[in-house]
Amino acid sequence: MLSITIPGQEIWDEVKEEYIYIKEQSIVLEHSLVSLSKWESKWCKPFLTKDMKTTEETIDYIRCMTLTQNVNPEIYKYLTNGNIDDVNKYIEAPMTATWFHDEKNAKPSSEQITAELIYYWMISLNVPFECQKWHLNRLLTLVKVCNVKNQPPKTMSKKEIMRRNAALNAQRKKKLNTNG
């Protein structure tokens, strides 16, 4: 979860010709499958793309991420650049200690990831639905771990086995300071 504070402001309303005072507001956000699903159902397009989002789409995603109850919808107009930077850093954070060795020859998937596809992965891997409220990067890491652990072990070619054994032998010789 991320908590941000939208600072209070004094704004001139040209229509009413008076100052409007906006109170400072703190809101709690969660980048999760639930917020992703809300955003995609409104915009009818995938969120997890490399395409830049418009300001309106970005602010609406922050609205979809909001866990705080009874937030005045007008407050989102007053998000600062610092608030948006904090949100972007939070969205990009891995939120896990798990990391993967990426295969050099693996081609990136061209499959478009949407909320429904992630729900499908959760169902097929028996991931409990309460995980839909986790930080999205943590959930996607869990899905990847489940996929890796469910794959049969890779068999190594004779060349790969010989290369690995030679490296291990060289390492042991160096450690024990011997010639063999």
C-alpha atoms as a PDB file:
ATOM      1  CA  MET A   1       0.000   0.000   0.000  1.00  0.00           C
ATOM      2  CA  LEU A   2       1.013   3.542  -0.640  1.00  0.00           C
ATOM      3  CA  SER A   3      -0.199   6.566   1.260  1.00  0.00           C
ATOM      4  CA  ILE A   4       0.052   9.946  -0.451  1.00  0.00           C
ATOM      5  CA  THR A   5      -0.982  13.382   0.702  1.00  0.00           C
ATOM      6  CA  ILE A   6      -2.529  15.801  -1.746  1.00  0.00           C
ATOM      7  CA  PRO A   7      -1.704  19.256  -0.401  1.00  0.00           C
ATOM      8  CA  GLY A   8      -4.370  21.819   0.387  1.00  0.00           C
ATOM      9  CA  GLN A   9      -4.701  24.666  -2.068  1.00  0.00           C
ATOM     10  CA  GLU A  10      -6.372  28.007  -2.553  1.00  0.00           C
ATOM     11  CA  ILE A  11      -7.836  28.381  -6.055  1.00  0.00           C
ATOM     12  CA  TRP A  12      -9.603  31.269  -7.759  1.00  0.00           C
ATOM     13  CA  ASP A  13     -12.961  30.291  -9.295  1.00  0.00           C
ATOM     14  CA  GLU A  14     -13.445  32.599 -12.286  1.00  0.00           C
ATOM     15  CA  VAL A  15     -17.114  31.697 -12.698  1.00  0.00           C
ATOM     16  CA  LYS A  16     -18.130  32.487  -9.098  1.00  0.00           C
ATOM     17  CA  GLU A  17     -15.376  35.091  -8.699  1.00  0.00           C
ATOM     18  CA  GLU A  18     -14.295  33.741  -5.343  1.00  0.00           C
ATOM     19  CA  TYR A  19     -11.525  31.709  -3.773  1.00  0.00           C
ATOM     20  CA  ILE A  20     -12.092  28.014  -3.208  1.00  0.00           C
ATOM     21  CA  TYR A  21     -10.155  26.317  -0.424  1.00  0.00           C
ATOM     22  CA  ILE A  22      -9.208  22.696  -0.998  1.00  0.00           C
ATOM     23  CA  LYS A  23      -8.343  20.809   2.193  1.00  0.00           C
ATOM     24  CA  GLU A  24      -5.253  18.616   2.354  1.00  0.00           C
ATOM     25  CA  GLN A  25      -6.228  14.972   1.864  1.00  0.00           C
ATOM     26  CA  SER A  26      -4.344  11.749   2.494  1.00  0.00           C
ATOM     27  CA  ILE A  27      -5.356   8.716   0.459  1.00  0.00           C
ATOM     28  CA  VAL A  28      -4.237   5.087   0.561  1.00  0.00           C
ATOM     29  CA  LEU A  29      -3.585   3.337  -2.752  1.00  0.00           C
ATOM     30  CA  GLU A  30      -3.037  -0.282  -3.830  1.00  0.00           C
ATOM     31  CA  HIS A  31      -1.710  -1.334  -7.261  1.00  0.00           C
ATOM     32  CA  SER A  32      -3.540  -4.645  -7.526  1.00  0.00           C
ATOM     33  CA  LEU A  33      -5.435  -6.896  -9.875  1.00  0.00           C
ATOM     34  CA  VAL A  34      -8.645  -5.364  -8.523  1.00  0.00           C
ATOM     35  CA  SER A  35      -7.581  -1.823  -9.483  1.00  0.00           C
ATOM     36  CA  LEU A  36      -6.294  -3.051 -12.856  1.00  0.00           C
ATOM     37  CA  SER A  37      -9.624  -4.754 -13.514  1.00  0.00           C
ATOM     38  CA  LYS A  38     -11.600  -1.606 -12.616  1.00  0.00           C
ATOM     39  CA  TRP A  39      -9.463   0.535 -14.930  1.00  0.00           C
ATOM     40  CA  GLU A  40      -9.664  -1.909 -17.867  1.00  0.00           C
ATOM     41  CA  SER A  41     -13.426  -2.272 -17.515  1.00  0.00           C
ATOM     42  CA  LYS A  42     -13.795   1.499 -17.797  1.00  0.00           C
ATOM     43  CA  TRP A  43     -11.275   2.144 -20.592  1.00  0.00           C
ATOM     44  CA  CYS A  44     -11.786  -1.156 -22.486  1.00  0.00           C
ATOM     45  CA  LYS A  45      -8.095  -1.510 -23.251  1.00  0.00           C
ATOM     46  CA  PRO A  46      -5.136  -3.267 -21.593  1.00  0.00           C
ATOM     47  CA  PHE A  47      -3.318  -1.320 -18.884  1.00  0.00           C
ATOM     48  CA  LEU A  48      -0.103  -3.371 -18.901  1.00  0.00           C
ATOM     49  CA  THR A  49       1.386  -2.054 -22.137  1.00  0.00           C
ATOM     50  CA  LYS A  50       4.408   0.064 -22.927  1.00  0.00           C
ATOM     51  CA  ASP A  51       2.118   2.719 -24.405  1.00  0.00           C
ATOM     52  CA  MET A  52       2.073   6.021 -22.557  1.00  0.00           C
ATOM     53  CA  LYS A  53      -1.134   6.782 -20.684  1.00  0.00           C
ATOM     54  CA  THR A  54      -2.856  10.128 -21.027  1.00  0.00           C
ATOM     55  CA  THR A  55      -3.072  12.363 -17.977  1.00  0.00           C
ATOM     56  CA  GLU A  56      -6.765  11.488 -17.703  1.00  0.00           C
ATOM     57  CA  GLU A  57      -6.010   7.730 -17.842  1.00  0.00           C
ATOM     58  CA  THR A  58      -3.229   8.062 -15.264  1.00  0.00           C
ATOM     59  CA  ILE A  59      -5.393  10.012 -12.832  1.00  0.00           C
ATOM     60  CA  ASP A  60      -8.237   7.560 -13.347  1.00  0.00           C
ATOM     61  CA  TYR A  61      -5.913   4.640 -12.520  1.00  0.00           C
ATOM     62  CA  ILE A  62      -4.969   6.415  -9.295  1.00  0.00           C
ATOM     63  CA  ARG A  63      -8.709   6.738  -8.614  1.00  0.00           C
ATOM     64  CA  CYS A  64      -9.113   2.971  -9.259  1.00  0.00           C
ATOM     65  CA  MET A  65      -6.219   2.260  -6.869  1.00  0.00           C
ATOM     66  CA  THR A  66      -7.760   4.283  -4.032  1.00  0.00           C
ATOM     67  CA  LEU A  67      -8.743   2.283  -0.947  1.00  0.00           C
ATOM     68  CA  THR A  68      -9.730   5.321   1.141  1.00  0.00           C
ATOM     69  CA  GLN A  69     -13.502   5.644   1.443  1.00  0.00           C
ATOM     70  CA  ASN A  70     -15.557   8.743   0.544  1.00  0.00           C
ATOM     71  CA  VAL A  71     -12.841  10.651  -1.312  1.00  0.00           C
ATOM     72  CA  ASN A  72     -14.043  13.812  -3.014  1.00  0.00           C
ATOM     73  CA  PRO A  73     -13.548  13.094  -6.760  1.00  0.00           C
ATOM     74  CA  GLU A  74     -12.368  16.686  -7.264  1.00  0.00           C
ATOM     75  CA  ILE A  75      -9.249  16.054  -5.150  1.00  0.00           C
ATOM     76  CA  TYR A  76      -7.616  14.057  -7.973  1.00  0.00           C
ATOM     77  CA  LYS A  77      -7.367  17.276 -10.013  1.00  0.00           C
ATOM     78  CA  TYR A  78      -4.878  18.582  -7.460  1.00  0.00           C
ATOM     79  CA  LEU A  79      -2.386  15.710  -7.514  1.00  0.00           C
ATOM     80  CA  THR A  80       1.125  17.126  -7.643  1.00  0.00           C
ATOM     81  CA  ASN A  81       3.909  15.911  -9.936  1.00  0.00           C
ATOM     82  CA  GLY A  82       5.546  14.566  -6.767  1.00  0.00           C
ATOM     83  CA  ASN A  83       2.390  12.569  -5.971  1.00  0.00           C
ATOM     84  CA  ILE A  84       2.353  11.074  -9.471  1.00  0.00           C
ATOM     85  CA  ASP A  85       6.096  10.274  -9.278  1.00  0.00           C
ATOM     86  CA  ASP A  86       5.524   8.493  -5.954  1.00  0.00           C
ATOM     87  CA  VAL A  87       2.670   6.488  -7.488  1.00  0.00           C
ATOM     88  CA  ASN A  88       4.774   5.522 -10.531  1.00  0.00           C
ATOM     89  CA  LYS A  89       7.685   4.392  -8.318  1.00  0.00           C
ATOM     90  CA  TYR A  90       5.247   2.334  -6.253  1.00  0.00           C
ATOM     91  CA  ILE A  91       3.738   0.724  -9.376  1.00  0.00           C
ATOM     92  CA  GLU A  92       7.203  -0.198 -10.689  1.00  0.00           C
ATOM     93  CA  ALA A  93       8.488  -1.605  -7.369  1.00  0.00           C
ATOM     94  CA  PRO A  94       8.974  -5.409  -7.405  1.00  0.00           C
ATOM     95  CA  MET A  95       7.500  -5.905  -3.900  1.00  0.00           C
ATOM     96  CA  THR A  96       9.274  -9.247  -3.555  1.00  0.00           C
ATOM     97  CA  ALA A  97      12.719 -10.692  -2.900  1.00  0.00           C
ATOM     98  CA  THR A  98      12.262 -13.302  -5.631  1.00  0.00           C
ATOM     99  CA  TRP A  99      14.157 -12.918  -8.880  1.00  0.00           C
ATOM    100  CA  PHE A 100      14.628 -15.086 -11.951  1.00  0.00           C
ATOM    101  CA  HIS A 101      17.453 -16.092 -14.266  1.00  0.00           C
ATOM    102  CA  ASP A 102      16.082 -15.099 -17.624  1.00  0.00           C
ATOM    103  CA  GLU A 103      16.945 -17.475 -20.407  1.00  0.00           C
ATOM    104  CA  LYS A 104      19.042 -15.867 -23.127  1.00  0.00           C
ATOM    105  CA  ASN A 105      17.187 -17.547 -25.997  1.00  0.00           C
ATOM    106  CA  ALA A 106      13.696 -17.001 -24.595  1.00  0.00           C
ATOM    107  CA  LYS A 107      11.569 -14.818 -26.828  1.00  0.00           C
ATOM    108  CA  PRO A 108       9.290 -12.317 -25.098  1.00  0.00           C
ATOM    109  CA  SER A 109       5.650 -13.251 -25.356  1.00  0.00           C
ATOM    110  CA  SER A 110       3.499 -11.203 -27.683  1.00  0.00           C
ATOM    111  CA  GLU A 111       0.421 -12.147 -25.671  1.00  0.00           C
ATOM    112  CA  GLN A 112      -1.433  -9.089 -24.371  1.00  0.00           C
ATOM    113  CA  ILE A 113      -1.783  -9.319 -20.587  1.00  0.00           C
ATOM    114  CA  THR A 114      -5.168  -8.216 -19.265  1.00  0.00           C
ATOM    115  CA  ALA A 115      -6.938  -8.630 -15.943  1.00  0.00           C
ATOM    116  CA  GLU A 116      -8.926 -11.588 -17.279  1.00  0.00           C
ATOM    117  CA  LEU A 117      -5.761 -13.389 -18.364  1.00  0.00           C
ATOM    118  CA  ILE A 118      -4.246 -12.913 -14.904  1.00  0.00           C
ATOM    119  CA  TYR A 119      -7.458 -14.253 -13.327  1.00  0.00           C
ATOM    120  CA  TYR A 120      -7.197 -17.256 -15.666  1.00  0.00           C
ATOM    121  CA  TRP A 121      -3.620 -17.858 -14.500  1.00  0.00           C
ATOM    122  CA  MET A 122      -4.762 -17.638 -10.887  1.00  0.00           C
ATOM    123  CA  ILE A 123      -7.531 -20.176 -11.485  1.00  0.00           C
ATOM    124  CA  SER A 124      -5.365 -22.619 -13.438  1.00  0.00           C
ATOM    125  CA  LEU A 125      -2.582 -22.438 -10.823  1.00  0.00           C
ATOM    126  CA  ASN A 126      -4.976 -22.605  -7.842  1.00  0.00           C
ATOM    127  CA  VAL A 127      -3.841 -19.220  -6.535  1.00  0.00           C
ATOM    128  CA  PRO A 128      -6.404 -18.051  -3.948  1.00  0.00           C
ATOM    129  CA  PHE A 129      -8.554 -15.084  -4.923  1.00  0.00           C
ATOM    130  CA  GLU A 130      -7.487 -13.050  -1.899  1.00  0.00           C
ATOM    131  CA  CYS A 131      -4.205 -12.577  -3.787  1.00  0.00           C
ATOM    132  CA  GLN A 132      -6.043 -10.280  -6.203  1.00  0.00           C
ATOM    133  CA  LYS A 133      -5.564  -7.566  -3.579  1.00  0.00           C
ATOM    134  CA  TRP A 134      -1.777  -8.028  -3.437  1.00  0.00           C
ATOM    135  CA  HIS A 135       0.550  -5.589  -5.157  1.00  0.00           C
ATOM    136  CA  LEU A 136       0.274  -6.620  -8.819  1.00  0.00           C
ATOM    137  CA  ASN A 137       4.021  -7.219  -9.285  1.00  0.00           C
ATOM    138  CA  ARG A 138       4.039  -9.573  -6.300  1.00  0.00           C
ATOM    139  CA  LEU A 139       1.057 -11.493  -7.724  1.00  0.00           C
ATOM    140  CA  LEU A 140       2.714 -11.776 -11.150  1.00  0.00           C
ATOM    141  CA  THR A 141       5.898 -13.054  -9.473  1.00  0.00           C
ATOM    142  CA  LEU A 142       3.857 -15.716  -7.652  1.00  0.00           C
ATOM    143  CA  VAL A 143       2.284 -16.775 -10.953  1.00  0.00           C
ATOM    144  CA  LYS A 144       5.733 -17.033 -12.539  1.00  0.00           C
ATOM    145  CA  VAL A 145       7.061 -19.066  -9.587  1.00  0.00           C
ATOM    146  CA  CYS A 146       4.103 -21.454  -9.890  1.00  0.00           C
ATOM    147  CA  ASN A 147       4.777 -21.857 -13.612  1.00  0.00           C
ATOM    148  CA  VAL A 148       8.482 -22.527 -13.061  1.00  0.00           C
ATOM    149  CA  LYS A 149       7.859 -25.020 -10.245  1.00  0.00           C
ATOM    150  CA  ASN A 150       5.190 -26.862 -12.286  1.00  0.00           C
ATOM    151  CA  GLN A 151       7.514 -27.420 -15.275  1.00  0.00           C
ATOM    152  CA  PRO A 152       9.362 -30.718 -15.595  1.00  0.00           C
ATOM    153  CA  PRO A 153      13.087 -30.406 -14.879  1.00  0.00           C
ATOM    154  CA  LYS A 154      15.154 -29.498 -17.922  1.00  0.00           C
ATOM    155  CA  THR A 155      17.472 -32.159 -19.245  1.00  0.00           C
ATOM    156  CA  MET A 156      20.959 -30.983 -20.091  1.00  0.00           C
ATOM    157  CA  SER A 157      22.774 -31.975 -23.263  1.00  0.00           C
ATOM    158  CA  LYS A 158      26.069 -33.855 -22.989  1.00  0.00           C
ATOM    159  CA  LYS A 159      27.930 -30.669 -23.937  1.00  0.00           C
ATOM    160  CA  GLU A 160      26.157 -28.678 -21.199  1.00  0.00           C
ATOM    161  CA  ILE A 161      26.925 -31.390 -18.616  1.00  0.00           C
ATOM    162  CA  MET A 162      30.594 -31.496 -19.637  1.00  0.00           C
ATOM    163  CA  ARG A 163      30.846 -27.691 -19.557  1.00  0.00           C
ATOM    164  CA  ARG A 164      29.222 -27.539 -16.110  1.00  0.00           C
ATOM    165  CA  ASN A 165      31.453 -30.317 -14.726  1.00  0.00           C
ATOM    166  CA  ALA A 166      34.598 -28.653 -16.118  1.00  0.00           C
ATOM    167  CA  ALA A 167      33.618 -25.366 -14.460  1.00  0.00           C
ATOM    168  CA  LEU A 168      32.927 -27.113 -11.142  1.00  0.00           C
ATOM    169  CA  ASN A 169      36.258 -28.973 -11.315  1.00  0.00           C
ATOM    170  CA  ALA A 170      38.148 -25.746 -12.070  1.00  0.00           C
ATOM    171  CA  GLN A 171      36.414 -24.049  -9.160  1.00  0.00           C
ATOM    172  CA  ARG A 172      37.325 -26.905  -6.773  1.00  0.00           C
ATOM    173  CA  LYS A 173      40.969 -26.956  -7.970  1.00  0.00           C
ATOM    174  CA  LYS A 174      41.230 -23.237  -7.326  1.00  0.00           C
ATOM    175  CA  LYS A 175      39.598 -23.516  -3.902  1.00  0.00           C
ATOM    176  CA  LEU A 176      41.796 -26.456  -2.819  1.00  0.00           C
ATOM    177  CA  ASN A 177      44.887 -25.030  -4.553  1.00  0.00           C
ATOM    178  CA  THR A 178      45.622 -28.302  -6.398  1.00  0.00           C
ATOM    179  CA  ASN A 179      46.439 -29.383  -9.950  1.00  0.00           C
ATOM    180  CA  GLY A 180      43.921 -32.141 -10.099  1.00  0.00           C
END
